[in-house]
Amino acid sequence: MKLSITFLSLLCILISCKDTSNMVSFKGGSFRIGSDNSLPNEGPTFETQIAPFLLDKNLVSVADFRKFIDATNYKTEADKFGDSGVFLFDQGQWTLMKGANWEYPLGETKPKSLDNHPVTHVGWNDAKSYASWVGKRLPTEFEYEFAAKNGGDSVYPWGNTVLKDGKHMANVWQGASVNDLDAKDGFLLTSPIGHYGASPAGLTDMVGNVWQWTESIYASYPGNPNPEPKDPKIRTTRGGAFMFDQASEKSFTTTFRAKNSVDTSLFNTGFRCAK
């Protein structure tokens, strides 16, 4: 027994075993993807097999990402470009803000990001690099949906209604338009990770707070009457965010899908890792 333990310990060192204590395990299985009662790109529904996987309980935080930057001297897409996408509420428009990055989410003249908030201004390539550094990967969009639905078919990670017992369950936009800044949930921008508690599966911030990059190339579902061309540089994002979306409450359902180019970074986009 001692020999076996020693051998396993050595093996872990050789293959760079990583800590998975803050991940949730999913057995996978046959699963129905999408919705036939929502937006066109969410259907038609279809069955697929999900292999067993692990998913981070939490979004990657600013503090997590700082460790990566300090250890590797990695340069993000935002730092390479010298700017990143920020929405100016006073002007009602998006802009490429000079100096905006993971550390200065509103630009270099504004306060630094908070350690316990999700990291933002990370492109898909940045998220992939971080995931590789910690011995993980990005989840596929189907793994995301399986986890968000708790392996079932719920509309939201907490159930089938937007509010639960009259309370907001995620950091999402409450206004009727982008000009309505009445943040009834207490947060106009990002919120602390886990502020709203965990889903039945044990995951926090599966919807709202920030969009989440997935590994998946954005593609139309089989049988969609208006298929879109596939482009490896366009990846699927899931989960919605604190920011206004024209889809309103549908933007933070478990089936809602969006997309972005791999080198795009925004003040409302982050990620979590899988294994």
C-alpha atoms as a PDB file:
ATOM      1  CA  MET A   1       0.000   0.000   0.000  1.00  0.00           C
ATOM      2  CA  LYS A   2       2.801   2.409   0.874  1.00  0.00           C
ATOM      3  CA  LEU A   3       4.479   1.623  -2.432  1.00  0.00           C
ATOM      4  CA  SER A   4       1.236   2.305  -4.321  1.00  0.00           C
ATOM      5  CA  ILE A   5       0.723   5.641  -2.587  1.00  0.00           C
ATOM      6  CA  THR A   6       4.290   6.667  -3.314  1.00  0.00           C
ATOM      7  CA  PHE A   7       3.932   5.664  -6.939  1.00  0.00           C
ATOM      8  CA  LEU A   8       0.687   7.617  -7.312  1.00  0.00           C
ATOM      9  CA  SER A   9       2.236  10.678  -5.693  1.00  0.00           C
ATOM     10  CA  LEU A  10       5.164  10.517  -8.081  1.00  0.00           C
ATOM     11  CA  LEU A  11       2.834  10.014 -11.022  1.00  0.00           C
ATOM     12  CA  CYS A  12       0.871  13.117 -10.042  1.00  0.00           C
ATOM     13  CA  ILE A  13       4.063  15.153  -9.971  1.00  0.00           C
ATOM     14  CA  LEU A  14       5.153  13.833 -13.357  1.00  0.00           C
ATOM     15  CA  ILE A  15       1.840  14.619 -15.053  1.00  0.00           C
ATOM     16  CA  SER A  16       1.305  17.905 -13.161  1.00  0.00           C
ATOM     17  CA  CYS A  17      -1.868  16.911 -11.277  1.00  0.00           C
ATOM     18  CA  LYS A  18      -3.939  19.958 -10.357  1.00  0.00           C
ATOM     19  CA  ASP A  19      -6.305  20.622  -7.483  1.00  0.00           C
ATOM     20  CA  THR A  20      -9.936  19.865  -8.365  1.00  0.00           C
ATOM     21  CA  SER A  21     -11.378  20.436  -4.880  1.00  0.00           C
ATOM     22  CA  ASN A  22     -13.307  23.510  -6.040  1.00  0.00           C
ATOM     23  CA  MET A  23     -14.896  21.745  -8.994  1.00  0.00           C
ATOM     24  CA  VAL A  24     -18.265  20.006  -9.305  1.00  0.00           C
ATOM     25  CA  SER A  25     -18.447  16.533 -10.824  1.00  0.00           C
ATOM     26  CA  PHE A  26     -21.097  15.648 -13.404  1.00  0.00           C
ATOM     27  CA  LYS A  27     -21.777  12.084 -14.539  1.00  0.00           C
ATOM     28  CA  GLY A  28     -23.128  13.166 -17.922  1.00  0.00           C
ATOM     29  CA  GLY A  29     -25.435  10.975 -19.971  1.00  0.00           C
ATOM     30  CA  SER A  30     -28.095  11.420 -22.639  1.00  0.00           C
ATOM     31  CA  PHE A  31     -29.286  15.013 -22.609  1.00  0.00           C
ATOM     32  CA  ARG A  32     -31.632  17.291 -24.572  1.00  0.00           C
ATOM     33  CA  ILE A  33     -29.995  20.503 -25.786  1.00  0.00           C
ATOM     34  CA  GLY A  34     -31.781  23.746 -26.602  1.00  0.00           C
ATOM     35  CA  SER A  35     -35.318  25.063 -26.514  1.00  0.00           C
ATOM     36  CA  ASP A  36     -38.184  25.057 -29.008  1.00  0.00           C
ATOM     37  CA  ASN A  37     -39.923  27.903 -27.183  1.00  0.00           C
ATOM     38  CA  SER A  38     -37.274  30.600 -27.229  1.00  0.00           C
ATOM     39  CA  LEU A  39     -35.010  32.322 -29.749  1.00  0.00           C
ATOM     40  CA  PRO A  40     -34.356  30.771 -33.201  1.00  0.00           C
ATOM     41  CA  ASN A  41     -30.715  29.903 -32.525  1.00  0.00           C
ATOM     42  CA  GLU A  42     -31.704  27.774 -29.503  1.00  0.00           C
ATOM     43  CA  GLY A  43     -33.536  25.204 -31.594  1.00  0.00           C
ATOM     44  CA  PRO A  44     -34.566  22.792 -32.705  1.00  0.00           C
ATOM     45  CA  THR A  45     -33.885  20.722 -29.597  1.00  0.00           C
ATOM     46  CA  PHE A  46     -31.897  17.531 -30.007  1.00  0.00           C
ATOM     47  CA  GLU A  47     -30.446  14.691 -27.951  1.00  0.00           C
ATOM     48  CA  THR A  48     -26.721  14.316 -27.385  1.00  0.00           C
ATOM     49  CA  GLN A  49     -24.417  12.347 -25.112  1.00  0.00           C
ATOM     50  CA  ILE A  50     -22.463  14.247 -22.464  1.00  0.00           C
ATOM     51  CA  ALA A  51     -19.339  12.499 -21.177  1.00  0.00           C
ATOM     52  CA  PRO A  52     -18.479  12.787 -17.455  1.00  0.00           C
ATOM     53  CA  PHE A  53     -16.746  16.081 -16.649  1.00  0.00           C
ATOM     54  CA  LEU A  54     -15.752  18.493 -13.896  1.00  0.00           C
ATOM     55  CA  LEU A  55     -16.700  22.167 -13.864  1.00  0.00           C
ATOM     56  CA  ASP A  56     -15.358  24.966 -11.691  1.00  0.00           C
ATOM     57  CA  LYS A  57     -17.780  25.907  -8.940  1.00  0.00           C
ATOM     58  CA  ASN A  58     -16.936  29.570  -9.478  1.00  0.00           C
ATOM     59  CA  LEU A  59     -16.021  31.967 -12.245  1.00  0.00           C
ATOM     60  CA  VAL A  60     -12.319  32.740 -12.513  1.00  0.00           C
ATOM     61  CA  SER A  61     -11.714  35.708 -10.229  1.00  0.00           C
ATOM     62  CA  VAL A  62      -9.499  38.732 -10.601  1.00  0.00           C
ATOM     63  CA  ALA A  63      -7.272  37.289  -7.850  1.00  0.00           C
ATOM     64  CA  ASP A  64      -7.029  33.957  -9.710  1.00  0.00           C
ATOM     65  CA  PHE A  65      -6.078  35.664 -12.952  1.00  0.00           C
ATOM     66  CA  ARG A  66      -3.500  37.880 -11.230  1.00  0.00           C
ATOM     67  CA  LYS A  67      -1.624  34.763 -10.070  1.00  0.00           C
ATOM     68  CA  PHE A  68      -1.491  33.609 -13.684  1.00  0.00           C
ATOM     69  CA  ILE A  69      -0.212  36.974 -14.920  1.00  0.00           C
ATOM     70  CA  ASP A  70       2.400  37.227 -12.159  1.00  0.00           C
ATOM     71  CA  ALA A  71       3.665  33.687 -12.784  1.00  0.00           C
ATOM     72  CA  THR A  72       3.797  33.807 -16.579  1.00  0.00           C
ATOM     73  CA  ASN A  73       4.027  37.492 -17.583  1.00  0.00           C
ATOM     74  CA  TYR A  74       1.226  36.700 -20.014  1.00  0.00           C
ATOM     75  CA  LYS A  75      -0.010  39.571 -22.177  1.00  0.00           C
ATOM     76  CA  THR A  76      -3.757  39.574 -22.814  1.00  0.00           C
ATOM     77  CA  GLU A  77      -5.453  40.540 -26.072  1.00  0.00           C
ATOM     78  CA  ALA A  78      -6.585  43.800 -24.455  1.00  0.00           C
ATOM     79  CA  ASP A  79      -3.012  44.645 -23.487  1.00  0.00           C
ATOM     80  CA  LYS A  80      -1.780  43.813 -26.979  1.00  0.00           C
ATOM     81  CA  PHE A  81      -4.406  46.048 -28.590  1.00  0.00           C
ATOM     82  CA  GLY A  82      -4.072  48.718 -25.914  1.00  0.00           C
ATOM     83  CA  ASP A  83      -7.834  48.930 -25.421  1.00  0.00           C
ATOM     84  CA  SER A  84     -10.932  46.874 -24.716  1.00  0.00           C
ATOM     85  CA  GLY A  85     -14.723  47.123 -24.965  1.00  0.00           C
ATOM     86  CA  VAL A  86     -16.535  49.217 -22.348  1.00  0.00           C
ATOM     87  CA  PHE A  87     -20.086  50.557 -22.421  1.00  0.00           C
ATOM     88  CA  LEU A  88     -20.358  54.255 -21.571  1.00  0.00           C
ATOM     89  CA  PHE A  89     -23.662  54.651 -19.757  1.00  0.00           C
ATOM     90  CA  ASP A  90     -23.537  58.439 -19.863  1.00  0.00           C
ATOM     91  CA  GLN A  91     -23.208  58.344 -23.662  1.00  0.00           C
ATOM     92  CA  GLY A  92     -25.294  55.265 -24.317  1.00  0.00           C
ATOM     93  CA  GLN A  93     -22.707  53.554 -26.502  1.00  0.00           C
ATOM     94  CA  TRP A  94     -19.879  51.040 -26.593  1.00  0.00           C
ATOM     95  CA  THR A  95     -16.309  52.228 -26.999  1.00  0.00           C
ATOM     96  CA  LEU A  96     -12.826  50.782 -27.170  1.00  0.00           C
ATOM     97  CA  MET A  97     -11.510  52.234 -23.931  1.00  0.00           C
ATOM     98  CA  LYS A  98      -7.793  52.949 -23.900  1.00  0.00           C
ATOM     99  CA  GLY A  99      -6.013  51.075 -21.134  1.00  0.00           C
ATOM    100  CA  ALA A 100      -9.033  48.962 -20.168  1.00  0.00           C
ATOM    101  CA  ASN A 101      -7.947  45.452 -19.245  1.00  0.00           C
ATOM    102  CA  TRP A 102      -8.412  42.721 -16.620  1.00  0.00           C
ATOM    103  CA  GLU A 103      -6.920  44.983 -13.931  1.00  0.00           C
ATOM    104  CA  TYR A 104      -8.564  48.276 -14.953  1.00  0.00           C
ATOM    105  CA  PRO A 105     -12.026  47.296 -16.229  1.00  0.00           C
ATOM    106  CA  LEU A 106     -13.197  50.860 -16.854  1.00  0.00           C
ATOM    107  CA  GLY A 107      -9.892  52.222 -18.149  1.00  0.00           C
ATOM    108  CA  GLU A 108      -6.516  53.120 -16.724  1.00  0.00           C
ATOM    109  CA  THR A 109      -7.785  56.284 -14.984  1.00  0.00           C
ATOM    110  CA  LYS A 110     -10.514  54.382 -13.092  1.00  0.00           C
ATOM    111  CA  PRO A 111     -10.263  52.156  -9.987  1.00  0.00           C
ATOM    112  CA  LYS A 112      -8.738  48.691 -10.183  1.00  0.00           C
ATOM    113  CA  SER A 113     -10.865  45.569 -10.389  1.00  0.00           C
ATOM    114  CA  LEU A 114     -11.774  43.882  -7.102  1.00  0.00           C
ATOM    115  CA  ASP A 115     -10.112  40.577  -6.273  1.00  0.00           C
ATOM    116  CA  ASN A 116     -13.343  38.746  -5.430  1.00  0.00           C
ATOM    117  CA  HIS A 117     -15.136  39.757  -8.628  1.00  0.00           C
ATOM    118  CA  PRO A 118     -14.977  37.791 -11.887  1.00  0.00           C
ATOM    119  CA  VAL A 119     -12.104  38.677 -14.170  1.00  0.00           C
ATOM    120  CA  THR A 120     -13.241  40.516 -17.309  1.00  0.00           C
ATOM    121  CA  HIS A 121     -11.637  41.881 -20.488  1.00  0.00           C
ATOM    122  CA  VAL A 122     -10.326  38.421 -21.327  1.00  0.00           C
ATOM    123  CA  GLY A 123     -10.559  37.110 -24.871  1.00  0.00           C
ATOM    124  CA  TRP A 124     -11.100  33.453 -25.746  1.00  0.00           C
ATOM    125  CA  ASN A 125      -7.380  33.014 -26.324  1.00  0.00           C
ATOM    126  CA  ASP A 126      -6.660  34.474 -22.885  1.00  0.00           C
ATOM    127  CA  ALA A 127      -9.168  32.168 -21.216  1.00  0.00           C
ATOM    128  CA  LYS A 128      -7.652  29.167 -23.010  1.00  0.00           C
ATOM    129  CA  SER A 129      -4.165  30.134 -21.876  1.00  0.00           C
ATOM    130  CA  TYR A 130      -5.239  30.471 -18.249  1.00  0.00           C
ATOM    131  CA  ALA A 131      -7.111  27.162 -18.345  1.00  0.00           C
ATOM    132  CA  SER A 132      -4.056  25.382 -19.734  1.00  0.00           C
ATOM    133  CA  TRP A 133      -1.869  26.942 -17.027  1.00  0.00           C
ATOM    134  CA  VAL A 134      -4.058  25.467 -14.264  1.00  0.00           C
ATOM    135  CA  GLY A 135      -4.246  22.081 -15.975  1.00  0.00           C
ATOM    136  CA  LYS A 136      -7.814  22.492 -17.171  1.00  0.00           C
ATOM    137  CA  ARG A 137      -9.724  23.550 -20.289  1.00  0.00           C
ATOM    138  CA  LEU A 138     -12.781  25.560 -21.270  1.00  0.00           C
ATOM    139  CA  PRO A 139     -16.140  23.776 -21.087  1.00  0.00           C
ATOM    140  CA  THR A 140     -18.073  23.011 -24.237  1.00  0.00           C
ATOM    141  CA  GLU A 141     -21.375  24.847 -24.554  1.00  0.00           C
ATOM    142  CA  PHE A 142     -23.226  21.544 -24.101  1.00  0.00           C
ATOM    143  CA  GLU A 143     -21.354  20.851 -20.865  1.00  0.00           C
ATOM    144  CA  TYR A 144     -22.281  24.344 -19.750  1.00  0.00           C
ATOM    145  CA  GLU A 145     -25.963  23.729 -20.499  1.00  0.00           C
ATOM    146  CA  PHE A 146     -25.955  20.343 -18.764  1.00  0.00           C
ATOM    147  CA  ALA A 147     -24.448  21.917 -15.639  1.00  0.00           C
ATOM    148  CA  ALA A 148     -26.670  25.020 -15.733  1.00  0.00           C
ATOM    149  CA  LYS A 149     -29.767  22.803 -15.956  1.00  0.00           C
ATOM    150  CA  ASN A 150     -28.457  20.651 -13.092  1.00  0.00           C
ATOM    151  CA  GLY A 151     -28.640  17.711 -15.486  1.00  0.00           C
ATOM    152  CA  GLY A 152     -32.354  18.360 -15.967  1.00  0.00           C
ATOM    153  CA  ASP A 153     -34.423  20.823 -17.958  1.00  0.00           C
ATOM    154  CA  SER A 154     -34.870  23.954 -15.819  1.00  0.00           C
ATOM    155  CA  VAL A 155     -35.268  27.323 -17.545  1.00  0.00           C
ATOM    156  CA  TYR A 156     -32.950  29.008 -15.026  1.00  0.00           C
ATOM    157  CA  PRO A 157     -30.332  27.318 -12.839  1.00  0.00           C
ATOM    158  CA  TRP A 158     -32.576  27.819  -9.790  1.00  0.00           C
ATOM    159  CA  GLY A 159     -35.910  26.849 -11.382  1.00  0.00           C
ATOM    160  CA  ASN A 160     -38.459  27.998 -13.942  1.00  0.00           C
ATOM    161  CA  THR A 161     -39.262  31.534 -12.793  1.00  0.00           C
ATOM    162  CA  VAL A 162     -37.099  34.651 -12.985  1.00  0.00           C
ATOM    163  CA  LEU A 163     -37.482  35.465  -9.304  1.00  0.00           C
ATOM    164  CA  LYS A 164     -37.463  32.979  -6.451  1.00  0.00           C
ATOM    165  CA  ASP A 165     -39.553  33.943  -3.440  1.00  0.00           C
ATOM    166  CA  GLY A 166     -39.538  37.476  -4.835  1.00  0.00           C
ATOM    167  CA  LYS A 167     -35.746  37.662  -4.866  1.00  0.00           C
ATOM    168  CA  HIS A 168     -33.207  38.119  -7.662  1.00  0.00           C
ATOM    169  CA  MET A 169     -31.092  34.996  -8.054  1.00  0.00           C
ATOM    170  CA  ALA A 170     -28.390  36.423 -10.321  1.00  0.00           C
ATOM    171  CA  ASN A 171     -26.678  39.684 -11.223  1.00  0.00           C
ATOM    172  CA  VAL A 172     -28.675  40.691 -14.285  1.00  0.00           C
ATOM    173  CA  TRP A 173     -30.058  43.889 -15.789  1.00  0.00           C
ATOM    174  CA  GLN A 174     -33.415  44.941 -14.364  1.00  0.00           C
ATOM    175  CA  GLY A 175     -34.049  48.023 -16.495  1.00  0.00           C
ATOM    176  CA  ALA A 176     -36.390  48.083 -19.476  1.00  0.00           C
ATOM    177  CA  SER A 177     -33.628  49.635 -21.580  1.00  0.00           C
ATOM    178  CA  VAL A 178     -29.923  50.368 -21.423  1.00  0.00           C
ATOM    179  CA  ASN A 179     -30.779  53.864 -20.213  1.00  0.00           C
ATOM    180  CA  ASP A 180     -32.634  52.506 -17.176  1.00  0.00           C
ATOM    181  CA  LEU A 181     -29.889  52.285 -14.555  1.00  0.00           C
ATOM    182  CA  ASP A 182     -32.079  51.208 -11.640  1.00  0.00           C
ATOM    183  CA  ALA A 183     -30.008  48.263 -10.392  1.00  0.00           C
ATOM    184  CA  LYS A 184     -32.635  46.617  -8.212  1.00  0.00           C
ATOM    185  CA  ASP A 185     -30.311  43.700  -7.460  1.00  0.00           C
ATOM    186  CA  GLY A 186     -27.735  46.088  -6.009  1.00  0.00           C
ATOM    187  CA  PHE A 187     -25.144  45.912  -8.766  1.00  0.00           C
ATOM    188  CA  LEU A 188     -24.819  48.023 -11.897  1.00  0.00           C
ATOM    189  CA  LEU A 189     -21.621  46.225 -12.939  1.00  0.00           C
ATOM    190  CA  THR A 190     -20.086  42.949 -11.706  1.00  0.00           C
ATOM    191  CA  SER A 191     -20.905  41.482  -8.316  1.00  0.00           C
ATOM    192  CA  PRO A 192     -18.739  39.432  -5.932  1.00  0.00           C
ATOM    193  CA  ILE A 193     -18.441  35.819  -7.050  1.00  0.00           C
ATOM    194  CA  GLY A 194     -21.004  33.619  -5.315  1.00  0.00           C
ATOM    195  CA  HIS A 195     -23.023  36.553  -3.955  1.00  0.00           C
ATOM    196  CA  TYR A 196     -26.301  34.894  -4.957  1.00  0.00           C
ATOM    197  CA  GLY A 197     -25.439  31.457  -3.623  1.00  0.00           C
ATOM    198  CA  ALA A 198     -25.115  28.140  -5.410  1.00  0.00           C
ATOM    199  CA  SER A 199     -27.407  26.271  -7.775  1.00  0.00           C
ATOM    200  CA  PRO A 200     -28.769  22.826  -6.838  1.00  0.00           C
ATOM    201  CA  ALA A 201     -25.735  21.371  -8.615  1.00  0.00           C
ATOM    202  CA  GLY A 202     -23.412  23.477  -6.435  1.00  0.00           C
ATOM    203  CA  LEU A 203     -22.346  26.110  -8.980  1.00  0.00           C
ATOM    204  CA  THR A 204     -22.327  29.892  -8.561  1.00  0.00           C
ATOM    205  CA  ASP A 205     -22.961  32.613 -11.177  1.00  0.00           C
ATOM    206  CA  MET A 206     -23.953  30.203 -13.919  1.00  0.00           C
ATOM    207  CA  VAL A 207     -26.047  33.002 -15.381  1.00  0.00           C
ATOM    208  CA  GLY A 208     -25.658  36.738 -14.981  1.00  0.00           C
ATOM    209  CA  ASN A 209     -22.594  38.640 -13.751  1.00  0.00           C
ATOM    210  CA  VAL A 210     -20.454  37.979 -16.854  1.00  0.00           C
ATOM    211  CA  TRP A 211     -20.748  36.117 -20.143  1.00  0.00           C
ATOM    212  CA  GLN A 212     -18.767  32.882 -20.119  1.00  0.00           C
ATOM    213  CA  TRP A 213     -16.523  31.702 -22.922  1.00  0.00           C
ATOM    214  CA  THR A 214     -16.916  28.104 -24.049  1.00  0.00           C
ATOM    215  CA  GLU A 215     -14.643  25.910 -26.135  1.00  0.00           C
ATOM    216  CA  SER A 216     -17.298  25.484 -28.808  1.00  0.00           C
ATOM    217  CA  ILE A 217     -17.218  26.990 -32.282  1.00  0.00           C
ATOM    218  CA  TYR A 218     -20.524  28.783 -32.743  1.00  0.00           C
ATOM    219  CA  ALA A 219     -22.781  26.702 -34.973  1.00  0.00           C
ATOM    220  CA  SER A 220     -26.465  26.305 -35.757  1.00  0.00           C
ATOM    221  CA  TYR A 221     -28.183  23.281 -34.266  1.00  0.00           C
ATOM    222  CA  PRO A 222     -28.973  20.310 -36.534  1.00  0.00           C
ATOM    223  CA  GLY A 223     -32.170  20.949 -38.459  1.00  0.00           C
ATOM    224  CA  ASN A 224     -32.203  24.724 -37.946  1.00  0.00           C
ATOM    225  CA  PRO A 225     -33.991  26.185 -41.000  1.00  0.00           C
ATOM    226  CA  ASN A 226     -31.577  29.134 -41.206  1.00  0.00           C
ATOM    227  CA  PRO A 227     -28.114  27.691 -40.553  1.00  0.00           C
ATOM    228  CA  GLU A 228     -25.195  30.058 -40.115  1.00  0.00           C
ATOM    229  CA  PRO A 229     -21.720  29.342 -41.547  1.00  0.00           C
ATOM    230  CA  LYS A 230     -19.171  28.008 -39.065  1.00  0.00           C
ATOM    231  CA  ASP A 231     -16.033  30.036 -38.382  1.00  0.00           C
ATOM    232  CA  PRO A 232     -13.333  28.708 -35.991  1.00  0.00           C
ATOM    233  CA  LYS A 233     -12.625  32.286 -34.955  1.00  0.00           C
ATOM    234  CA  ILE A 234     -16.170  32.701 -33.608  1.00  0.00           C
ATOM    235  CA  ARG A 235     -16.880  30.955 -30.287  1.00  0.00           C
ATOM    236  CA  THR A 236     -20.035  30.486 -28.253  1.00  0.00           C
ATOM    237  CA  THR A 237     -20.616  32.398 -25.037  1.00  0.00           C
ATOM    238  CA  ARG A 238     -23.219  31.430 -22.461  1.00  0.00           C
ATOM    239  CA  GLY A 239     -24.939  32.732 -19.349  1.00  0.00           C
ATOM    240  CA  GLY A 240     -25.760  36.367 -20.027  1.00  0.00           C
ATOM    241  CA  ALA A 241     -24.326  39.174 -17.907  1.00  0.00           C
ATOM    242  CA  PHE A 242     -25.005  42.201 -15.737  1.00  0.00           C
ATOM    243  CA  MET A 243     -25.293  44.260 -18.910  1.00  0.00           C
ATOM    244  CA  PHE A 244     -28.508  45.055 -20.772  1.00  0.00           C
ATOM    245  CA  ASP A 245     -29.463  42.662 -23.539  1.00  0.00           C
ATOM    246  CA  GLN A 246     -32.381  43.076 -25.947  1.00  0.00           C
ATOM    247  CA  ALA A 247     -33.434  39.514 -25.144  1.00  0.00           C
ATOM    248  CA  SER A 248     -34.183  40.708 -21.607  1.00  0.00           C
ATOM    249  CA  GLU A 249     -34.821  37.855 -19.152  1.00  0.00           C
ATOM    250  CA  LYS A 250     -34.271  35.286 -21.906  1.00  0.00           C
ATOM    251  CA  SER A 251     -30.590  36.265 -22.026  1.00  0.00           C
ATOM    252  CA  PHE A 252     -29.901  34.491 -18.743  1.00  0.00           C
ATOM    253  CA  THR A 253     -31.826  31.286 -19.326  1.00  0.00           C
ATOM    254  CA  THR A 254     -29.937  27.990 -19.435  1.00  0.00           C
ATOM    255  CA  THR A 255     -30.349  27.704 -23.217  1.00  0.00           C
ATOM    256  CA  PHE A 256     -29.521  31.242 -24.369  1.00  0.00           C
ATOM    257  CA  ARG A 257     -26.554  31.429 -26.767  1.00  0.00           C
ATOM    258  CA  ALA A 258     -24.385  34.278 -27.991  1.00  0.00           C
ATOM    259  CA  LYS A 259     -21.070  34.485 -29.837  1.00  0.00           C
ATOM    260  CA  ASN A 260     -17.932  36.544 -30.205  1.00  0.00           C
ATOM    261  CA  SER A 261     -14.584  36.502 -31.978  1.00  0.00           C
ATOM    262  CA  VAL A 262     -11.666  34.860 -30.183  1.00  0.00           C
ATOM    263  CA  ASP A 263      -9.712  38.114 -29.812  1.00  0.00           C
ATOM    264  CA  THR A 264     -12.621  40.169 -28.467  1.00  0.00           C
ATOM    265  CA  SER A 265     -12.491  41.334 -24.852  1.00  0.00           C
ATOM    266  CA  LEU A 266     -15.291  43.146 -23.047  1.00  0.00           C
ATOM    267  CA  PHE A 267     -16.079  44.478 -19.595  1.00  0.00           C
ATOM    268  CA  ASN A 268     -18.892  41.930 -19.227  1.00  0.00           C
ATOM    269  CA  THR A 269     -17.167  38.735 -20.376  1.00  0.00           C
ATOM    270  CA  GLY A 270     -15.264  36.206 -18.266  1.00  0.00           C
ATOM    271  CA  PHE A 271     -15.050  32.427 -17.942  1.00  0.00           C
ATOM    272  CA  ARG A 272     -14.757  29.315 -15.793  1.00  0.00           C
ATOM    273  CA  CYS A 273     -12.815  26.133 -16.421  1.00  0.00           C
ATOM    274  CA  ALA A 274     -13.661  22.473 -16.917  1.00  0.00           C
ATOM    275  CA  LYS A 275     -11.745  19.216 -16.779  1.00  0.00           C
END
